[in-house]
Amino acid sequence: MRHPGRTLTIAAVGFLLLDAVLLLIAGLWARRAGLLVGAGACALLVVAVVMAWRRYRRAMDEVAAARRAMKTEVESIRDLLRQAHLHN
């Protein structure tokens, strides 16, 4: 199954990693602590995006499982009604 939004998540992580690396290089080259702090913030955002994506996927898997269970239950109720000749 193709996960919607995966491309956007990969792009966000890629850009944040690129920003972190470039800020780190610039901070080390210019010896500026503010740029190093920015690199650290970008690195933390990468972790936050990945964690949020995993949480989102778990929630979507739970929704899909609940939908399958509901479909099974509806089918069993329909079969029961057919057996009792109560369908319209």
PDB file of N, CA and C in Angstrom:
ATOM      1  N   MET A   1       0.837  -1.173   0.000  1.00  0.00           N
ATOM      2  CA  MET A   1       0.000   0.000   0.000  1.00  0.00           C
ATOM      3  C   MET A   1       0.886   1.242   0.000  1.00  0.00           C
ATOM      4  N   ARG A   2       0.566   2.188  -0.841  1.00  0.00           N
ATOM      5  CA  ARG A   2       1.335   3.426  -0.922  1.00  0.00           C
ATOM      6  C   ARG A   2       0.856   4.387   0.163  1.00  0.00           C
ATOM      7  N   HIS A   3       1.795   4.911   0.915  1.00  0.00           N
ATOM      8  CA  HIS A   3       1.452   5.821   2.001  1.00  0.00           C
ATOM      9  C   HIS A   3       1.360   7.246   1.469  1.00  0.00           C
ATOM     10  N   PRO A   4       0.201   7.891   1.608  1.00  0.00           N
ATOM     11  CA  PRO A   4       0.091   9.275   1.135  1.00  0.00           C
ATOM     12  C   PRO A   4       0.942  10.207   1.987  1.00  0.00           C
ATOM     13  N   GLY A   5       1.553  11.160   1.339  1.00  0.00           N
ATOM     14  CA  GLY A   5       2.335  12.144   2.060  1.00  0.00           C
ATOM     15  C   GLY A   5       3.763  11.741   2.348  1.00  0.00           C
ATOM     16  N   ARG A   6       4.151  10.544   1.937  1.00  0.00           N
ATOM     17  CA  ARG A   6       5.517  10.093   2.205  1.00  0.00           C
ATOM     18  C   ARG A   6       6.530  11.006   1.514  1.00  0.00           C
ATOM     19  N   THR A   7       6.219  11.417   0.293  1.00  0.00           N
ATOM     20  CA  THR A   7       7.135  12.270  -0.467  1.00  0.00           C
ATOM     21  C   THR A   7       7.354  13.600   0.255  1.00  0.00           C
ATOM     22  N   LEU A   8       6.281  14.173   0.775  1.00  0.00           N
ATOM     23  CA  LEU A   8       6.391  15.439   1.498  1.00  0.00           C
ATOM     24  C   LEU A   8       7.245  15.282   2.754  1.00  0.00           C
ATOM     25  N   THR A   9       7.069  14.186   3.450  1.00  0.00           N
ATOM     26  CA  THR A   9       7.847  13.942   4.660  1.00  0.00           C
ATOM     27  C   THR A   9       9.326  13.765   4.331  1.00  0.00           C
ATOM     28  N   ILE A  10       9.615  13.004   3.283  1.00  0.00           N
ATOM     29  CA  ILE A  10      11.010  12.798   2.884  1.00  0.00           C
ATOM     30  C   ILE A  10      11.642  14.117   2.460  1.00  0.00           C
ATOM     31  N   ALA A  11      10.885  14.939   1.728  1.00  0.00           N
ATOM     32  CA  ALA A  11      11.407  16.239   1.305  1.00  0.00           C
ATOM     33  C   ALA A  11      11.684  17.133   2.518  1.00  0.00           C
ATOM     34  N   ALA A  12      10.774  17.144   3.485  1.00  0.00           N
ATOM     35  CA  ALA A  12      10.969  17.968   4.682  1.00  0.00           C
ATOM     36  C   ALA A  12      12.208  17.524   5.456  1.00  0.00           C
ATOM     37  N   VAL A  13      12.368  16.220   5.621  1.00  0.00           N
ATOM     38  CA  VAL A  13      13.537  15.708   6.338  1.00  0.00           C
ATOM     39  C   VAL A  13      14.810  16.044   5.572  1.00  0.00           C
ATOM     40  N   GLY A  14      14.772  15.887   4.256  1.00  0.00           N
ATOM     41  CA  GLY A  14      15.945  16.189   3.445  1.00  0.00           C
ATOM     42  C   GLY A  14      16.358  17.649   3.541  1.00  0.00           C
ATOM     43  N   PHE A  15      15.387  18.548   3.423  1.00  0.00           N
ATOM     44  CA  PHE A  15      15.706  19.972   3.515  1.00  0.00           C
ATOM     45  C   PHE A  15      16.202  20.355   4.910  1.00  0.00           C
ATOM     46  N   LEU A  16      15.586  19.795   5.932  1.00  0.00           N
ATOM     47  CA  LEU A  16      16.044  20.101   7.288  1.00  0.00           C
ATOM     48  C   LEU A  16      17.457  19.576   7.540  1.00  0.00           C
ATOM     49  N   LEU A  17      17.751  18.380   7.019  1.00  0.00           N
ATOM     50  CA  LEU A  17      19.112  17.858   7.166  1.00  0.00           C
ATOM     51  C   LEU A  17      20.120  18.720   6.405  1.00  0.00           C
ATOM     52  N   LEU A  18      19.743  19.133   5.193  1.00  0.00           N
ATOM     53  CA  LEU A  18      20.627  20.006   4.422  1.00  0.00           C
ATOM     54  C   LEU A  18      20.870  21.317   5.166  1.00  0.00           C
ATOM     55  N   ASP A  19      19.802  21.901   5.697  1.00  0.00           N
ATOM     56  CA  ASP A  19      19.948  23.134   6.471  1.00  0.00           C
ATOM     57  C   ASP A  19      20.859  22.924   7.679  1.00  0.00           C
ATOM     58  N   ALA A  20      20.669  21.801   8.376  1.00  0.00           N
ATOM     59  CA  ALA A  20      21.486  21.530   9.558  1.00  0.00           C
ATOM     60  C   ALA A  20      22.961  21.421   9.187  1.00  0.00           C
ATOM     61  N   VAL A  21      23.247  20.702   8.120  1.00  0.00           N
ATOM     62  CA  VAL A  21      24.647  20.527   7.710  1.00  0.00           C
ATOM     63  C   VAL A  21      25.249  21.855   7.274  1.00  0.00           C
ATOM     64  N   LEU A  22      24.508  22.614   6.468  1.00  0.00           N
ATOM     65  CA  LEU A  22      25.043  23.887   5.989  1.00  0.00           C
ATOM     66  C   LEU A  22      25.226  24.892   7.125  1.00  0.00           C
ATOM     67  N   LEU A  23      24.282  24.927   8.050  1.00  0.00           N
ATOM     68  CA  LEU A  23      24.436  25.812   9.206  1.00  0.00           C
ATOM     69  C   LEU A  23      25.611  25.386  10.081  1.00  0.00           C
ATOM     70  N   LEU A  24      25.801  24.090  10.218  1.00  0.00           N
ATOM     71  CA  LEU A  24      26.933  23.590  10.994  1.00  0.00           C
ATOM     72  C   LEU A  24      28.258  24.000  10.345  1.00  0.00           C
ATOM     73  N   ILE A  25      28.349  23.805   9.043  1.00  0.00           N
ATOM     74  CA  ILE A  25      29.573  24.192   8.337  1.00  0.00           C
ATOM     75  C   ILE A  25      29.811  25.696   8.447  1.00  0.00           C
ATOM     76  N   ALA A  26      28.762  26.479   8.228  1.00  0.00           N
ATOM     77  CA  ALA A  26      28.908  27.941   8.311  1.00  0.00           C
ATOM     78  C   ALA A  26      29.270  28.377   9.730  1.00  0.00           C
ATOM     79  N   GLY A  27      28.658  27.734  10.731  1.00  0.00           N
ATOM     80  CA  GLY A  27      28.961  28.077  12.115  1.00  0.00           C
ATOM     81  C   GLY A  27      30.385  27.749  12.495  1.00  0.00           C
ATOM     82  N   LEU A  28      30.874  26.600  12.030  1.00  0.00           N
ATOM     83  CA  LEU A  28      32.263  26.239  12.325  1.00  0.00           C
ATOM     84  C   LEU A  28      33.236  27.135  11.577  1.00  0.00           C
ATOM     85  N   TRP A  29      32.905  27.454  10.333  1.00  0.00           N
ATOM     86  CA  TRP A  29      33.792  28.282   9.521  1.00  0.00           C
ATOM     87  C   TRP A  29      33.868  29.712  10.057  1.00  0.00           C
ATOM     88  N   ALA A  30      32.685  30.267  10.398  1.00  0.00           N
ATOM     89  CA  ALA A  30      32.645  31.646  10.874  1.00  0.00           C
ATOM     90  C   ALA A  30      32.825  31.748  12.389  1.00  0.00           C
ATOM     91  N   ARG A  31      32.859  30.622  13.069  1.00  0.00           N
ATOM     92  CA  ARG A  31      32.975  30.588  14.528  1.00  0.00           C
ATOM     93  C   ARG A  31      31.885  31.414  15.203  1.00  0.00           C
ATOM     94  N   ARG A  32      30.649  31.117  14.760  1.00  0.00           N
ATOM     95  CA  ARG A  32      29.488  31.815  15.326  1.00  0.00           C
ATOM     96  C   ARG A  32      28.572  30.793  15.980  1.00  0.00           C
ATOM     97  N   ALA A  33      28.313  31.001  17.259  1.00  0.00           N
ATOM     98  CA  ALA A  33      27.503  30.060  18.026  1.00  0.00           C
ATOM     99  C   ALA A  33      26.046  30.066  17.581  1.00  0.00           C
ATOM    100  N   GLY A  34      25.562  31.191  17.101  1.00  0.00           N
ATOM    101  CA  GLY A  34      24.169  31.273  16.666  1.00  0.00           C
ATOM    102  C   GLY A  34      23.872  30.333  15.511  1.00  0.00           C
ATOM    103  N   LEU A  35      24.815  30.198  14.604  1.00  0.00           N
ATOM    104  CA  LEU A  35      24.627  29.277  13.491  1.00  0.00           C
ATOM    105  C   LEU A  35      24.654  27.828  13.951  1.00  0.00           C
ATOM    106  N   LEU A  36      25.478  27.554  14.947  1.00  0.00           N
ATOM    107  CA  LEU A  36      25.527  26.200  15.500  1.00  0.00           C
ATOM    108  C   LEU A  36      24.222  25.854  16.223  1.00  0.00           C
ATOM    109  N   VAL A  37      23.650  26.836  16.890  1.00  0.00           N
ATOM    110  CA  VAL A  37      22.353  26.626  17.552  1.00  0.00           C
ATOM    111  C   VAL A  37      21.274  26.344  16.504  1.00  0.00           C
ATOM    112  N   GLY A  38      21.338  27.082  15.401  1.00  0.00           N
ATOM    113  CA  GLY A  38      20.394  26.844  14.307  1.00  0.00           C
ATOM    114  C   GLY A  38      20.545  25.451  13.723  1.00  0.00           C
ATOM    115  N   ALA A  39      21.777  24.979  13.595  1.00  0.00           N
ATOM    116  CA  ALA A  39      22.019  23.622  13.106  1.00  0.00           C
ATOM    117  C   ALA A  39      21.426  22.588  14.062  1.00  0.00           C
ATOM    118  N   GLY A  40      21.604  22.816  15.338  1.00  0.00           N
ATOM    119  CA  GLY A  40      21.029  21.911  16.336  1.00  0.00           C
ATOM    120  C   GLY A  40      19.510  21.914  16.292  1.00  0.00           C
ATOM    121  N   ALA A  41      18.937  23.096  16.096  1.00  0.00           N
ATOM    122  CA  ALA A  41      17.471  23.189  16.016  1.00  0.00           C
ATOM    123  C   ALA A  41      16.949  22.435  14.795  1.00  0.00           C
ATOM    124  N   CYS A  42      17.630  22.566  13.677  1.00  0.00           N
ATOM    125  CA  CYS A  42      17.210  21.832  12.467  1.00  0.00           C
ATOM    126  C   CYS A  42      17.322  20.328  12.684  1.00  0.00           C
ATOM    127  N   ALA A  43      18.375  19.897  13.354  1.00  0.00           N
ATOM    128  CA  ALA A  43      18.545  18.476  13.638  1.00  0.00           C
ATOM    129  C   ALA A  43      17.429  17.971  14.553  1.00  0.00           C
ATOM    130  N   LEU A  44      17.040  18.751  15.546  1.00  0.00           N
ATOM    131  CA  LEU A  44      15.936  18.367  16.422  1.00  0.00           C
ATOM    132  C   LEU A  44      14.613  18.322  15.667  1.00  0.00           C
ATOM    133  N   LEU A  45      14.439  19.235  14.723  1.00  0.00           N
ATOM    134  CA  LEU A  45      13.223  19.219  13.911  1.00  0.00           C
ATOM    135  C   LEU A  45      13.147  17.981  13.033  1.00  0.00           C
ATOM    136  N   VAL A  46      14.284  17.503  12.572  1.00  0.00           N
ATOM    137  CA  VAL A  46      14.299  16.251  11.796  1.00  0.00           C
ATOM    138  C   VAL A  46      13.751  15.118  12.655  1.00  0.00           C
ATOM    139  N   VAL A  47      14.221  15.034  13.879  1.00  0.00           N
ATOM    140  CA  VAL A  47      13.744  13.990  14.794  1.00  0.00           C
ATOM    141  C   VAL A  47      12.246  14.155  15.042  1.00  0.00           C
ATOM    142  N   ALA A  48      11.788  15.390  15.228  1.00  0.00           N
ATOM    143  CA  ALA A  48      10.360  15.631  15.480  1.00  0.00           C
ATOM    144  C   ALA A  48       9.505  15.237  14.281  1.00  0.00           C
ATOM    145  N   VAL A  49       9.956  15.543  13.081  1.00  0.00           N
ATOM    146  CA  VAL A  49       9.193  15.192  11.879  1.00  0.00           C
ATOM    147  C   VAL A  49       9.095  13.681  11.737  1.00  0.00           C
ATOM    148  N   VAL A  50      10.203  12.976  11.956  1.00  0.00           N
ATOM    149  CA  VAL A  50      10.186  11.513  11.835  1.00  0.00           C
ATOM    150  C   VAL A  50       9.274  10.898  12.886  1.00  0.00           C
ATOM    151  N   MET A  51       9.328  11.394  14.114  1.00  0.00           N
ATOM    152  CA  MET A  51       8.460  10.859  15.167  1.00  0.00           C
ATOM    153  C   MET A  51       6.992  11.133  14.867  1.00  0.00           C
ATOM    154  N   ALA A  52       6.690  12.325  14.367  1.00  0.00           N
ATOM    155  CA  ALA A  52       5.302  12.658  14.027  1.00  0.00           C
ATOM    156  C   ALA A  52       4.809  11.781  12.880  1.00  0.00           C
ATOM    157  N   TRP A  53       5.661  11.517  11.907  1.00  0.00           N
ATOM    158  CA  TRP A  53       5.279  10.663  10.774  1.00  0.00           C
ATOM    159  C   TRP A  53       4.978   9.244  11.249  1.00  0.00           C
ATOM    160  N   ARG A  54       5.810   8.720  12.130  1.00  0.00           N
ATOM    161  CA  ARG A  54       5.571   7.366  12.646  1.00  0.00           C
ATOM    162  C   ARG A  54       4.274   7.304  13.444  1.00  0.00           C
ATOM    163  N   ARG A  55       4.010   8.331  14.234  1.00  0.00           N
ATOM    164  CA  ARG A  55       2.756   8.374  15.009  1.00  0.00           C
ATOM    165  C   ARG A  55       1.554   8.442  14.074  1.00  0.00           C
ATOM    166  N   TYR A  56       1.668   9.239  13.030  1.00  0.00           N
ATOM    167  CA  TYR A  56       0.597   9.350  12.031  1.00  0.00           C
ATOM    168  C   TYR A  56       0.345   8.002  11.368  1.00  0.00           C
ATOM    169  N   ARG A  57       1.395   7.295  10.966  1.00  0.00           N
ATOM    170  CA  ARG A  57       1.233   5.995  10.305  1.00  0.00           C
ATOM    171  C   ARG A  57       0.581   4.990  11.243  1.00  0.00           C
ATOM    172  N   ARG A  58       0.976   4.988  12.524  1.00  0.00           N
ATOM    173  CA  ARG A  58       0.341   4.080  13.488  1.00  0.00           C
ATOM    174  C   ARG A  58      -1.149   4.379  13.612  1.00  0.00           C
ATOM    175  N   ALA A  59      -1.497   5.657  13.677  1.00  0.00           N
ATOM    176  CA  ALA A  59      -2.906   6.040  13.798  1.00  0.00           C
ATOM    177  C   ALA A  59      -3.687   5.609  12.552  1.00  0.00           C
ATOM    178  N   MET A  60      -3.101   5.781  11.365  1.00  0.00           N
ATOM    179  CA  MET A  60      -3.783   5.387  10.134  1.00  0.00           C
ATOM    180  C   MET A  60      -3.935   3.867  10.045  1.00  0.00           C
ATOM    181  N   ASP A  61      -2.962   3.122  10.554  1.00  0.00           N
ATOM    182  CA  ASP A  61      -3.072   1.664  10.589  1.00  0.00           C
ATOM    183  C   ASP A  61      -4.189   1.229  11.530  1.00  0.00           C
ATOM    184  N   GLU A  62      -4.319   1.919  12.662  1.00  0.00           N
ATOM    185  CA  GLU A  62      -5.409   1.604  13.594  1.00  0.00           C
ATOM    186  C   GLU A  62      -6.767   1.899  12.969  1.00  0.00           C
ATOM    187  N   VAL A  63      -6.873   3.005  12.237  1.00  0.00           N
ATOM    188  CA  VAL A  63      -8.131   3.341  11.566  1.00  0.00           C
ATOM    189  C   VAL A  63      -8.470   2.278  10.526  1.00  0.00           C
ATOM    190  N   ALA A  64      -7.489   1.851   9.763  1.00  0.00           N
ATOM    191  CA  ALA A  64      -7.725   0.825   8.747  1.00  0.00           C
ATOM    192  C   ALA A  64      -8.172  -0.486   9.389  1.00  0.00           C
ATOM    193  N   ALA A  65      -7.555  -0.857  10.507  1.00  0.00           N
ATOM    194  CA  ALA A  65      -7.958  -2.086  11.203  1.00  0.00           C
ATOM    195  C   ALA A  65      -9.378  -1.967  11.731  1.00  0.00           C
ATOM    196  N   ALA A  66      -9.736  -0.811  12.260  1.00  0.00           N
ATOM    197  CA  ALA A  66     -11.095  -0.609  12.760  1.00  0.00           C
ATOM    198  C   ALA A  66     -12.112  -0.669  11.620  1.00  0.00           C
ATOM    199  N   ARG A  67     -11.761  -0.133  10.469  1.00  0.00           N
ATOM    200  CA  ARG A  67     -12.659  -0.199   9.311  1.00  0.00           C
ATOM    201  C   ARG A  67     -12.854  -1.636   8.848  1.00  0.00           C
ATOM    202  N   ARG A  68     -11.776  -2.419   8.844  1.00  0.00           N
ATOM    203  CA  ARG A  68     -11.908  -3.828   8.456  1.00  0.00           C
ATOM    204  C   ARG A  68     -12.794  -4.577   9.440  1.00  0.00           C
ATOM    205  N   ALA A  69     -12.620  -4.309  10.725  1.00  0.00           N
ATOM    206  CA  ALA A  69     -13.438  -4.971  11.743  1.00  0.00           C
ATOM    207  C   ALA A  69     -14.904  -4.579  11.592  1.00  0.00           C
ATOM    208  N   MET A  70     -15.153  -3.307  11.313  1.00  0.00           N
ATOM    209  CA  MET A  70     -16.526  -2.848  11.137  1.00  0.00           C
ATOM    210  C   MET A  70     -17.151  -3.487   9.898  1.00  0.00           C
ATOM    211  N   LYS A  71     -16.393  -3.623   8.835  1.00  0.00           N
ATOM    212  CA  LYS A  71     -16.906  -4.241   7.620  1.00  0.00           C
ATOM    213  C   LYS A  71     -17.266  -5.702   7.877  1.00  0.00           C
ATOM    214  N   THR A  72     -16.422  -6.395   8.622  1.00  0.00           N
ATOM    215  CA  THR A  72     -16.709  -7.791   8.973  1.00  0.00           C
ATOM    216  C   THR A  72     -17.977  -7.895   9.806  1.00  0.00           C
ATOM    217  N   GLU A  73     -18.134  -6.989  10.752  1.00  0.00           N
ATOM    218  CA  GLU A  73     -19.320  -7.001  11.606  1.00  0.00           C
ATOM    219  C   GLU A  73     -20.591  -6.715  10.802  1.00  0.00           C
ATOM    220  N   VAL A  74     -20.528  -5.762   9.892  1.00  0.00           N
ATOM    221  CA  VAL A  74     -21.685  -5.442   9.051  1.00  0.00           C
ATOM    222  C   VAL A  74     -22.051  -6.637   8.185  1.00  0.00           C
ATOM    223  N   GLU A  75     -21.055  -7.302   7.622  1.00  0.00           N
ATOM    224  CA  GLU A  75     -21.322  -8.488   6.797  1.00  0.00           C
ATOM    225  C   GLU A  75     -21.979  -9.591   7.617  1.00  0.00           C
ATOM    226  N   SER A  76     -21.530  -9.791   8.850  1.00  0.00           N
ATOM    227  CA  SER A  76     -22.138 -10.829   9.686  1.00  0.00           C
ATOM    228  C   SER A  76     -23.574 -10.474  10.040  1.00  0.00           C
ATOM    229  N   ILE A  77     -23.876  -9.208  10.271  1.00  0.00           N
ATOM    230  CA  ILE A  77     -25.254  -8.790  10.538  1.00  0.00           C
ATOM    231  C   ILE A  77     -26.122  -8.998   9.308  1.00  0.00           C
ATOM    232  N   ARG A  78     -25.597  -8.674   8.134  1.00  0.00           N
ATOM    233  CA  ARG A  78     -26.347  -8.903   6.888  1.00  0.00           C
ATOM    234  C   ARG A  78     -26.635 -10.389   6.692  1.00  0.00           C
ATOM    235  N   ASP A  79     -25.648 -11.232   6.939  1.00  0.00           N
ATOM    236  CA  ASP A  79     -25.856 -12.675   6.808  1.00  0.00           C
ATOM    237  C   ASP A  79     -26.912 -13.166   7.781  1.00  0.00           C
ATOM    238  N   LEU A  80     -26.890 -12.656   8.997  1.00  0.00           N
ATOM    239  CA  LEU A  80     -27.879 -13.047   9.999  1.00  0.00           C
ATOM    240  C   LEU A  80     -29.286 -12.634   9.562  1.00  0.00           C
ATOM    241  N   LEU A  81     -29.412 -11.434   9.024  1.00  0.00           N
ATOM    242  CA  LEU A  81     -30.716 -10.972   8.547  1.00  0.00           C
ATOM    243  C   LEU A  81     -31.202 -11.793   7.359  1.00  0.00           C
ATOM    244  N   ARG A  82     -30.306 -12.178   6.475  1.00  0.00           N
ATOM    245  CA  ARG A  82     -30.674 -13.019   5.332  1.00  0.00           C
ATOM    246  C   ARG A  82     -31.162 -14.380   5.779  1.00  0.00           C
ATOM    247  N   GLN A  83     -30.479 -14.927   6.789  1.00  0.00           N
ATOM    248  CA  GLN A  83     -30.884 -16.233   7.312  1.00  0.00           C
ATOM    249  C   GLN A  83     -32.257 -16.166   7.968  1.00  0.00           C
ATOM    250  N   ALA A  84     -32.586 -15.068   8.585  1.00  0.00           N
ATOM    251  CA  ALA A  84     -33.883 -14.921   9.255  1.00  0.00           C
ATOM    252  C   ALA A  84     -34.935 -14.361   8.304  1.00  0.00           C
ATOM    253  N   HIS A  85     -34.590 -14.122   7.045  1.00  0.00           N
ATOM    254  CA  HIS A  85     -35.490 -13.584   6.025  1.00  0.00           C
ATOM    255  C   HIS A  85     -36.069 -12.241   6.434  1.00  0.00           C
ATOM    256  N   LEU A  86     -35.251 -11.417   7.036  1.00  0.00           N
ATOM    257  CA  LEU A  86     -35.722 -10.110   7.470  1.00  0.00           C
ATOM    258  C   LEU A  86     -35.192  -8.985   6.594  1.00  0.00           C
ATOM    259  N   HIS A  87     -34.552  -9.318   5.508  1.00  0.00           N
ATOM    260  CA  HIS A  87     -34.011  -8.275   4.643  1.00  0.00           C
ATOM    261  C   HIS A  87     -35.124  -7.680   3.790  1.00  0.00           C
ATOM    262  N   ASN A  88     -34.922  -6.474   3.343  1.00  0.00           N
ATOM    263  CA  ASN A  88     -35.940  -5.785   2.525  1.00  0.00           C
ATOM    264  C   ASN A  88     -35.682  -6.006   1.067  1.00  0.00           C
TER     265      ASN A  88
END
